[in-house]
Amino acid sequence: MKIRIMGTESECRAAREYYAELEKESGVKSVSISENYPNRGSNTIFRVYVDVEYYDAENASQALIEKRG
């Protein structure tokens, strides 16, 4: 799964921390997170790219829903 996140520097930092924690989930094989990149023409909005690889993608979302209630 490829995810692009856009927001302020602090929002992107929070997203990076969130997705870093996701790697500890049992169904997650790997998580790759980029550094913050400034959006073109902006010094207040940034982008972060996240790649998440699941062991079993079809059942991963259902397992996360069940775990979080």
N, C-alpha and C. Protein backbone atom coordinates (compact mmCIF):
# COMPACT_ATOMS: atom_id res chain seq x y z
N MET A 1 0.84 -1.15 0.00
CA MET A 1 0.00 0.00 0.00
C MET A 1 0.90 1.23 0.00
N LYS A 2 0.59 2.16 -0.86
CA LYS A 2 1.37 3.40 -0.93
C LYS A 2 0.47 4.55 -0.47
N ILE A 3 1.00 5.36 0.43
CA ILE A 3 0.22 6.45 1.02
C ILE A 3 1.01 7.74 0.90
N ARG A 4 0.35 8.80 0.48
CA ARG A 4 0.96 10.13 0.47
C ARG A 4 0.20 10.98 1.47
N ILE A 5 0.93 11.59 2.39
CA ILE A 5 0.34 12.42 3.44
C ILE A 5 0.81 13.85 3.21
N MET A 6 -0.12 14.79 3.28
CA MET A 6 0.24 16.20 3.16
C MET A 6 -0.29 16.93 4.38
N GLY A 7 0.52 17.83 4.91
CA GLY A 7 0.11 18.62 6.06
C GLY A 7 1.24 19.53 6.53
N THR A 8 1.03 20.14 7.68
CA THR A 8 2.08 20.98 8.25
C THR A 8 3.24 20.09 8.68
N GLU A 9 4.33 20.71 9.02
CA GLU A 9 5.50 19.94 9.44
C GLU A 9 5.19 19.08 10.66
N SER A 10 4.47 19.63 11.62
CA SER A 10 4.15 18.87 12.83
C SER A 10 3.13 17.76 12.54
N GLU A 11 2.19 17.99 11.63
CA GLU A 11 1.24 16.93 11.25
C GLU A 11 1.96 15.79 10.55
N CYS A 12 2.90 16.12 9.68
CA CYS A 12 3.67 15.08 8.99
C CYS A 12 4.55 14.31 9.97
N ARG A 13 5.11 14.99 10.94
CA ARG A 13 5.92 14.32 11.95
C ARG A 13 5.06 13.35 12.75
N ALA A 14 3.84 13.77 13.12
CA ALA A 14 2.92 12.89 13.86
C ALA A 14 2.53 11.68 13.01
N ALA A 15 2.31 11.89 11.73
CA ALA A 15 1.97 10.78 10.83
C ALA A 15 3.13 9.79 10.72
N ARG A 16 4.34 10.31 10.63
CA ARG A 16 5.52 9.44 10.56
C ARG A 16 5.62 8.58 11.81
N GLU A 17 5.37 9.17 12.98
CA GLU A 17 5.42 8.42 14.24
C GLU A 17 4.32 7.36 14.27
N TYR A 18 3.13 7.72 13.81
CA TYR A 18 2.01 6.78 13.79
C TYR A 18 2.34 5.57 12.92
N TYR A 19 2.80 5.81 11.71
CA TYR A 19 3.09 4.70 10.80
C TYR A 19 4.31 3.89 11.23
N ALA A 20 5.23 4.50 11.93
CA ALA A 20 6.37 3.75 12.48
C ALA A 20 5.87 2.73 13.50
N GLU A 21 4.87 3.10 14.29
CA GLU A 21 4.29 2.18 15.27
C GLU A 21 3.52 1.04 14.60
N LEU A 22 2.97 1.30 13.42
CA LEU A 22 2.21 0.29 12.70
C LEU A 22 3.06 -0.93 12.38
N GLU A 23 4.35 -0.74 12.23
CA GLU A 23 5.24 -1.85 11.89
C GLU A 23 5.25 -2.92 12.98
N LYS A 24 4.85 -2.58 14.20
CA LYS A 24 4.83 -3.54 15.30
C LYS A 24 3.62 -4.46 15.24
N GLU A 25 2.64 -4.16 14.39
CA GLU A 25 1.45 -5.00 14.26
C GLU A 25 1.83 -6.33 13.64
N SER A 26 1.17 -7.40 14.06
CA SER A 26 1.55 -8.74 13.64
C SER A 26 1.37 -8.99 12.14
N GLY A 27 0.38 -8.37 11.50
CA GLY A 27 0.13 -8.62 10.09
C GLY A 27 0.94 -7.75 9.15
N VAL A 28 1.77 -6.87 9.71
CA VAL A 28 2.54 -5.94 8.88
C VAL A 28 3.94 -6.48 8.65
N LYS A 29 4.29 -6.63 7.39
CA LYS A 29 5.61 -7.16 7.02
C LYS A 29 6.68 -6.07 7.08
N SER A 30 6.38 -4.89 6.52
CA SER A 30 7.35 -3.80 6.55
C SER A 30 6.65 -2.46 6.36
N VAL A 31 7.30 -1.41 6.87
CA VAL A 31 6.84 -0.05 6.70
C VAL A 31 8.04 0.80 6.32
N SER A 32 7.91 1.54 5.24
CA SER A 32 8.95 2.45 4.80
C SER A 32 8.37 3.86 4.83
N ILE A 33 9.09 4.80 5.48
CA ILE A 33 8.58 6.15 5.65
C ILE A 33 9.64 7.14 5.18
N SER A 34 9.23 8.06 4.31
CA SER A 34 10.17 9.07 3.80
C SER A 34 10.35 10.20 4.81
N GLU A 35 11.30 11.03 4.51
CA GLU A 35 11.46 12.27 5.26
C GLU A 35 10.37 13.24 4.82
N ASN A 36 10.25 14.37 5.51
CA ASN A 36 9.33 15.42 5.08
C ASN A 36 9.90 16.12 3.84
N TYR A 37 9.07 16.28 2.82
CA TYR A 37 9.43 17.03 1.63
C TYR A 37 8.53 18.24 1.53
N PRO A 38 9.07 19.44 1.35
CA PRO A 38 8.20 20.61 1.21
C PRO A 38 7.41 20.53 -0.10
N ASN A 39 6.14 20.92 -0.05
CA ASN A 39 5.36 20.99 -1.28
C ASN A 39 5.91 22.08 -2.18
N ARG A 40 5.78 21.90 -3.44
CA ARG A 40 6.27 22.90 -4.39
C ARG A 40 5.54 24.22 -4.15
N GLY A 41 6.32 25.28 -4.05
CA GLY A 41 5.74 26.61 -3.88
C GLY A 41 5.24 26.91 -2.48
N SER A 42 5.56 26.06 -1.51
CA SER A 42 5.08 26.28 -0.14
C SER A 42 6.20 26.01 0.85
N ASN A 43 6.25 26.80 1.89
CA ASN A 43 7.21 26.52 2.96
C ASN A 43 6.48 26.14 4.25
N THR A 44 5.15 25.91 4.15
CA THR A 44 4.38 25.52 5.33
C THR A 44 3.70 24.17 5.18
N ILE A 45 3.54 23.67 3.96
CA ILE A 45 2.90 22.38 3.72
C ILE A 45 3.94 21.40 3.20
N PHE A 46 3.92 20.19 3.78
CA PHE A 46 4.92 19.17 3.47
C PHE A 46 4.23 17.88 3.03
N ARG A 47 5.04 16.96 2.46
CA ARG A 47 4.57 15.64 2.05
C ARG A 47 5.42 14.58 2.73
N VAL A 48 4.79 13.46 3.02
CA VAL A 48 5.47 12.27 3.52
C VAL A 48 4.93 11.09 2.73
N TYR A 49 5.80 10.20 2.31
CA TYR A 49 5.40 9.00 1.57
C TYR A 49 5.61 7.78 2.46
N VAL A 50 4.59 6.93 2.52
CA VAL A 50 4.62 5.73 3.36
C VAL A 50 4.31 4.53 2.48
N ASP A 51 5.11 3.49 2.59
CA ASP A 51 4.84 2.21 1.94
C ASP A 51 4.64 1.17 3.04
N VAL A 52 3.48 0.51 3.01
CA VAL A 52 3.18 -0.52 4.00
C VAL A 52 2.99 -1.83 3.25
N GLU A 53 3.68 -2.86 3.68
CA GLU A 53 3.53 -4.18 3.08
C GLU A 53 2.99 -5.13 4.15
N TYR A 54 1.85 -5.75 3.83
CA TYR A 54 1.21 -6.69 4.75
C TYR A 54 1.56 -8.12 4.36
N TYR A 55 1.57 -9.02 5.34
CA TYR A 55 1.77 -10.44 5.04
C TYR A 55 0.56 -10.97 4.26
N ASP A 56 -0.63 -10.61 4.70
CA ASP A 56 -1.86 -11.06 4.08
C ASP A 56 -2.77 -9.84 3.92
N ALA A 57 -2.66 -9.16 2.80
CA ALA A 57 -3.36 -7.89 2.59
C ALA A 57 -4.87 -8.03 2.68
N GLU A 58 -5.43 -9.15 2.25
CA GLU A 58 -6.88 -9.32 2.25
C GLU A 58 -7.45 -9.35 3.66
N ASN A 59 -6.71 -9.93 4.60
CA ASN A 59 -7.21 -10.04 5.96
C ASN A 59 -6.66 -8.97 6.90
N ALA A 60 -5.72 -8.16 6.45
CA ALA A 60 -5.08 -7.18 7.31
C ALA A 60 -6.04 -6.14 7.82
N SER A 61 -6.89 -5.59 6.95
CA SER A 61 -7.79 -4.53 7.40
C SER A 61 -8.83 -5.08 8.38
N GLN A 62 -9.33 -6.27 8.17
CA GLN A 62 -10.30 -6.86 9.08
C GLN A 62 -9.68 -7.12 10.44
N ALA A 63 -8.46 -7.60 10.49
CA ALA A 63 -7.77 -7.86 11.75
C ALA A 63 -7.54 -6.56 12.53
N LEU A 64 -7.19 -5.48 11.83
CA LEU A 64 -6.99 -4.20 12.49
C LEU A 64 -8.30 -3.67 13.06
N ILE A 65 -9.40 -3.81 12.32
CA ILE A 65 -10.71 -3.37 12.79
C ILE A 65 -11.09 -4.14 14.05
N GLU A 66 -10.91 -5.44 14.04
CA GLU A 66 -11.27 -6.26 15.20
C GLU A 66 -10.42 -5.92 16.41
N LYS A 67 -9.13 -5.66 16.20
CA LYS A 67 -8.23 -5.37 17.30
C LYS A 67 -8.57 -4.03 17.96
N ARG A 68 -8.91 -3.04 17.14
CA ARG A 68 -9.16 -1.69 17.67
C ARG A 68 -10.61 -1.49 18.10
N GLY A 69 -11.46 -2.45 17.78
CA GLY A 69 -12.85 -2.41 18.24
C GLY A 69 -13.67 -1.45 17.54
